[in-house]
Amino acid sequence: MMLRDHTCLWSLFFLAAVIPEVHLQRNDHSVPPASEFSSEVQIYRPVMHPSESVPPIGTYLVGNSCIKATMGAEYIVTEKKTWYFNLDPSRVRASGYCDKEAAVLSLTLPDNAASLQFTFKKEENIFYVNKLTVHVSPLPVCQGCANKTYSGLVVVDKLFAAPTGQSFKCKSENLLLMSSELRIKLVPLQVQAFTLPEGQYGKEVECWADFSKRAIPIIVGATVVGLVLIAVLTFLFIRDRRHSQGYDRL
């Protein structure tokens, strides 16, 4: 019996030496199971910050002549205090569609951790945004805070409107209240939908905030100059009148 066992053992060693593909393996627990080599699936979650910073600017396209948008986007969450998260253009997937009277631009982060969706409408010779949908699912913003998704929907009348073939542009910030806990800031913003020849923006339509910033100093300056001129003319008139009255006495 022992002779047979020794014969089998020597046969195994002979096979291992002659045939490279044959490997001897100990029948114990020294080799960890395959499950120990597997790693947990990593899910992307945005990290909110307690301080605000300038959001990076990205340019997003849907088709060659459908939608083009350039913007920086900041999510502002109110949870015990104010928290901020900037949309990272390098992680964004842009998608959407255009038909004759409606168009959609969707900006989405990996694992649907955050999104920003614009719904455009075309009416006669203008286009505009009539619905904006936002959500963000960050890591808990504070110790003891639960995992939470912050979302909001705004239905507006002719937001970011411009004539067909032209683009809406605003360097000033657009701060939109999405819900009691979530706001979205878009700064700067340039967008064009439906008609986009060769993928390039058309003539820019300036937003009211930019116009006010540019026009108000001009108006104030013109008013000040006008008041100074009035004061000078009044002074000259009074002086000339006094001189003429003096000549009459003589």
Protein backbone atom coordinates (compact mmCIF):
# COMPACT_ATOMS: atom_id res chain seq x y z
CA MET A 1 0.00 0.00 0.00
CA MET A 2 2.83 2.38 0.89
CA LEU A 3 4.66 1.41 -2.26
CA ARG A 4 1.61 2.36 -4.34
CA ASP A 5 1.38 5.77 -2.62
CA HIS A 6 5.06 6.48 -3.24
CA THR A 7 4.66 5.48 -6.89
CA CYS A 8 1.74 7.92 -7.35
CA LEU A 9 3.71 10.70 -5.69
CA TRP A 10 6.76 10.23 -7.91
CA SER A 11 4.48 10.12 -10.95
CA LEU A 12 3.04 13.52 -10.05
CA PHE A 13 6.47 15.08 -9.65
CA PHE A 14 7.55 13.59 -12.98
CA LEU A 15 4.53 15.09 -14.76
CA ALA A 16 5.16 18.51 -13.20
CA ALA A 17 8.78 18.48 -14.33
CA VAL A 18 8.14 17.27 -17.88
CA ILE A 19 4.87 19.05 -18.72
CA PRO A 20 5.07 22.81 -17.89
CA GLU A 21 1.30 23.24 -17.91
CA VAL A 22 0.88 20.85 -14.95
CA HIS A 23 1.12 22.65 -11.57
CA LEU A 24 0.95 21.18 -8.10
CA GLN A 25 -1.39 22.95 -5.66
CA ARG A 26 -1.72 22.33 -1.97
CA ASN A 27 -5.15 21.36 -0.80
CA ASP A 28 -5.34 23.89 2.03
CA HIS A 29 -6.43 27.49 2.63
CA SER A 30 -3.14 29.23 1.75
CA VAL A 31 -4.65 30.59 -1.50
CA PRO A 32 -7.34 33.21 -0.77
CA PRO A 33 -10.71 32.80 -2.49
CA ALA A 34 -11.41 34.86 -5.61
CA SER A 35 -13.91 37.01 -3.74
CA GLU A 36 -11.07 38.47 -1.65
CA PHE A 37 -9.55 39.96 -4.81
CA SER A 38 -12.73 41.74 -5.88
CA SER A 39 -13.07 45.43 -4.97
CA GLU A 40 -16.19 47.37 -4.15
CA VAL A 41 -17.77 49.38 -6.96
CA GLN A 42 -16.92 53.04 -6.54
CA ILE A 43 -19.87 55.41 -7.06
CA TYR A 44 -19.13 59.04 -7.84
CA ARG A 45 -20.58 61.47 -5.29
CA PRO A 46 -20.08 65.25 -5.39
CA VAL A 47 -18.43 66.88 -2.40
CA MET A 48 -20.00 70.11 -1.15
CA HIS A 49 -17.73 72.87 0.15
CA PRO A 50 -18.42 75.52 2.82
CA SER A 51 -16.85 78.31 0.75
CA GLU A 52 -17.73 79.59 -2.71
CA SER A 53 -15.37 79.55 -5.70
CA VAL A 54 -15.59 80.55 -9.35
CA PRO A 55 -17.11 77.66 -11.34
CA PRO A 56 -15.10 76.36 -14.32
CA ILE A 57 -16.58 77.17 -17.73
CA GLY A 58 -17.55 74.43 -20.15
CA THR A 59 -18.98 74.39 -23.66
CA TYR A 60 -21.61 71.76 -24.48
CA LEU A 61 -23.03 70.73 -27.85
CA VAL A 62 -26.02 68.72 -29.01
CA GLY A 63 -25.61 67.92 -32.68
CA ASN A 64 -23.95 70.26 -35.15
CA SER A 65 -26.85 72.71 -35.44
CA CYS A 66 -29.12 71.88 -32.47
CA ILE A 67 -27.91 73.39 -29.17
CA LYS A 68 -24.73 75.04 -27.97
CA ALA A 69 -24.21 76.30 -24.43
CA THR A 70 -21.25 77.82 -22.63
CA MET A 71 -21.51 78.28 -18.88
CA GLY A 72 -20.17 77.83 -15.41
CA ALA A 73 -22.67 76.18 -13.04
CA GLU A 74 -22.69 76.23 -9.25
CA TYR A 75 -25.06 74.26 -7.00
CA ILE A 76 -25.89 76.02 -3.74
CA VAL A 77 -27.39 73.84 -1.00
CA THR A 78 -28.84 75.09 2.28
CA GLU A 79 -28.49 72.41 4.97
CA LYS A 80 -27.87 73.92 8.42
CA LYS A 81 -25.56 76.32 6.56
CA THR A 82 -24.75 77.12 2.92
CA TRP A 83 -22.74 74.62 0.86
CA TYR A 84 -21.36 74.91 -2.68
CA PHE A 85 -20.51 72.54 -5.53
CA ASN A 86 -19.21 73.50 -8.97
CA LEU A 87 -20.07 71.45 -12.04
CA ASP A 88 -16.87 69.97 -13.50
CA PRO A 89 -17.03 70.16 -17.33
CA SER A 90 -14.50 67.32 -17.71
CA ARG A 91 -16.94 64.91 -16.03
CA VAL A 92 -20.11 66.10 -17.76
CA ARG A 93 -21.94 64.08 -20.39
CA ALA A 94 -24.04 66.30 -22.67
CA SER A 95 -27.08 64.86 -24.42
CA GLY A 96 -30.40 66.03 -25.81
CA TYR A 97 -32.40 66.53 -28.96
CA CYS A 98 -34.08 69.12 -31.17
CA ASP A 99 -37.33 69.07 -33.10
CA LYS A 100 -39.30 71.87 -34.74
CA GLU A 101 -40.64 73.54 -31.57
CA ALA A 102 -38.89 71.91 -28.62
CA ALA A 103 -35.32 71.09 -27.66
CA VAL A 104 -33.58 69.65 -24.59
CA LEU A 105 -30.03 69.94 -23.27
CA SER A 106 -29.11 67.56 -20.44
CA LEU A 107 -25.83 67.84 -18.53
CA THR A 108 -25.18 64.79 -16.34
CA LEU A 109 -22.36 63.71 -14.03
CA PRO A 110 -21.25 60.06 -13.68
CA ASP A 111 -23.65 57.77 -11.81
CA ASN A 112 -26.29 60.49 -12.25
CA ALA A 113 -24.76 62.22 -9.24
CA ALA A 114 -25.92 65.60 -10.53
CA SER A 115 -27.79 66.94 -13.52
CA LEU A 116 -28.85 70.17 -15.14
CA GLN A 117 -31.51 70.07 -17.86
CA PHE A 118 -32.74 72.93 -20.05
CA THR A 119 -35.96 72.64 -22.03
CA PHE A 120 -36.16 75.10 -24.93
CA LYS A 121 -39.19 76.24 -26.84
CA LYS A 122 -39.40 77.91 -30.25
CA GLU A 123 -42.15 80.44 -30.89
CA GLU A 124 -42.35 82.30 -34.18
CA ASN A 125 -38.96 84.02 -34.53
CA ILE A 126 -37.62 83.59 -30.99
CA PHE A 127 -36.40 80.78 -28.75
CA TYR A 128 -36.23 80.63 -24.96
CA VAL A 129 -35.97 78.31 -21.97
CA ASN A 130 -39.32 77.49 -20.41
CA LYS A 131 -38.26 74.76 -17.97
CA LEU A 132 -35.14 74.09 -15.91
CA THR A 133 -34.60 70.88 -13.92
CA VAL A 134 -31.74 70.36 -11.45
CA HIS A 135 -30.65 67.72 -8.97
CA VAL A 136 -27.51 66.86 -7.00
CA SER A 137 -26.80 63.82 -4.79
CA PRO A 138 -23.68 64.75 -2.78
CA LEU A 139 -21.91 63.10 0.08
CA PRO A 140 -23.53 64.13 3.39
CA VAL A 141 -22.79 67.82 3.78
CA CYS A 142 -22.27 67.70 7.54
CA GLN A 143 -21.57 65.27 10.35
CA GLY A 144 -24.78 63.52 11.25
CA CYS A 145 -26.52 64.61 8.05
CA ALA A 146 -28.23 61.87 6.08
CA ASN A 147 -27.63 60.96 2.44
CA LYS A 148 -29.94 63.19 0.49
CA THR A 149 -30.80 64.26 -3.04
CA TYR A 150 -31.54 67.94 -3.57
CA SER A 151 -33.69 68.67 -6.59
CA GLY A 152 -35.84 71.38 -8.08
CA LEU A 153 -37.91 72.34 -11.08
CA VAL A 154 -38.62 75.83 -12.38
CA VAL A 155 -41.16 76.57 -15.10
CA VAL A 156 -40.62 80.08 -16.41
CA ASP A 157 -41.88 82.33 -19.18
CA LYS A 158 -39.28 83.10 -21.84
CA LEU A 159 -36.08 82.74 -19.83
CA PHE A 160 -32.83 83.44 -21.74
CA ALA A 161 -34.79 84.54 -24.83
CA ALA A 162 -33.19 85.55 -28.14
CA PRO A 163 -34.23 85.81 -31.81
CA THR A 164 -33.81 82.65 -33.85
CA GLY A 165 -30.30 82.44 -35.24
CA GLN A 166 -28.86 84.61 -32.47
CA SER A 167 -27.47 83.73 -29.03
CA PHE A 168 -28.39 84.85 -25.54
CA LYS A 169 -25.35 85.99 -23.55
CA CYS A 170 -25.02 87.13 -19.96
CA LYS A 171 -21.78 87.82 -18.11
CA SER A 172 -23.66 88.67 -14.92
CA GLU A 173 -24.74 85.83 -12.65
CA ASN A 174 -28.14 84.22 -13.04
CA LEU A 175 -29.23 82.92 -9.65
CA LEU A 176 -32.32 80.70 -9.79
CA LEU A 177 -34.23 79.39 -6.78
CA MET A 178 -34.99 75.73 -7.52
CA SER A 179 -36.41 74.74 -4.12
CA SER A 180 -36.21 75.81 -0.49
CA GLU A 181 -32.89 73.96 -0.18
CA LEU A 182 -31.36 74.31 -3.64
CA ARG A 183 -30.31 77.19 -5.87
CA ILE A 184 -28.37 77.14 -9.12
CA LYS A 185 -26.02 79.88 -10.27
CA LEU A 186 -25.09 80.18 -13.95
CA VAL A 187 -22.18 82.53 -14.62
CA PRO A 188 -21.30 83.40 -17.30
CA LEU A 189 -23.90 82.03 -19.74
CA GLN A 190 -24.23 81.91 -23.51
CA VAL A 191 -26.77 79.68 -25.24
CA GLN A 192 -28.34 79.16 -28.64
CA ALA A 193 -30.86 76.58 -29.81
CA PHE A 194 -32.61 75.31 -32.96
CA THR A 195 -30.53 77.28 -35.48
CA LEU A 196 -26.78 77.08 -35.10
CA PRO A 197 -25.01 77.51 -38.47
CA GLU A 198 -21.76 75.50 -38.57
CA GLY A 199 -21.91 75.09 -34.80
CA GLN A 200 -21.07 78.74 -34.17
CA TYR A 201 -22.91 81.31 -32.07
CA GLY A 202 -24.87 83.97 -33.92
CA LYS A 203 -25.18 87.64 -33.00
CA GLU A 204 -25.19 88.12 -29.22
CA VAL A 205 -28.26 89.38 -27.38
CA GLU A 206 -27.17 91.11 -24.18
CA CYS A 207 -29.01 90.34 -20.95
CA TRP A 208 -30.63 93.16 -18.98
CA ALA A 209 -28.17 92.86 -16.09
CA ASP A 210 -25.19 93.39 -18.40
CA PHE A 211 -26.95 96.26 -20.15
CA SER A 212 -27.71 97.92 -16.81
CA LYS A 213 -24.11 97.61 -15.64
CA ARG A 214 -22.92 99.18 -18.87
CA ALA A 215 -25.65 101.79 -19.34
CA ILE A 216 -26.17 103.06 -15.77
CA PRO A 217 -22.65 104.56 -15.42
CA ILE A 218 -23.14 106.28 -18.79
CA ILE A 219 -26.52 107.65 -17.73
CA VAL A 220 -25.18 108.79 -14.35
CA GLY A 221 -22.18 110.41 -16.00
CA ALA A 222 -24.35 112.17 -18.56
CA THR A 223 -26.64 113.41 -15.78
CA VAL A 224 -23.72 114.78 -13.78
CA VAL A 225 -22.32 116.54 -16.86
CA GLY A 226 -25.77 117.98 -17.59
CA LEU A 227 -26.12 119.32 -14.05
CA VAL A 228 -22.66 120.88 -14.21
CA LEU A 229 -23.50 122.57 -17.52
CA ILE A 230 -26.76 123.89 -16.10
CA ALA A 231 -24.92 125.27 -13.07
CA VAL A 232 -22.28 126.94 -15.24
CA LEU A 233 -24.86 128.46 -17.60
CA THR A 234 -26.92 129.71 -14.67
CA PHE A 235 -23.85 131.32 -13.12
CA LEU A 236 -22.92 133.02 -16.42
CA PHE A 237 -26.47 134.24 -16.93
CA ILE A 238 -26.68 135.75 -13.44
CA ARG A 239 -23.25 137.38 -13.81
CA ASP A 240 -24.11 138.91 -17.19
CA ARG A 241 -27.41 140.20 -15.84
CA ARG A 242 -25.70 141.89 -12.91
CA HIS A 243 -23.20 143.53 -15.26
CA SER A 244 -25.99 144.79 -17.54
CA GLN A 245 -27.89 146.22 -14.57
CA GLY A 246 -24.77 148.10 -13.53
CA TYR A 247 -24.43 149.69 -16.96
CA ASP A 248 -28.08 150.92 -16.82
CA ARG A 249 -27.36 152.87 -13.61
CA LEU A 250 -24.61 154.81 -15.34
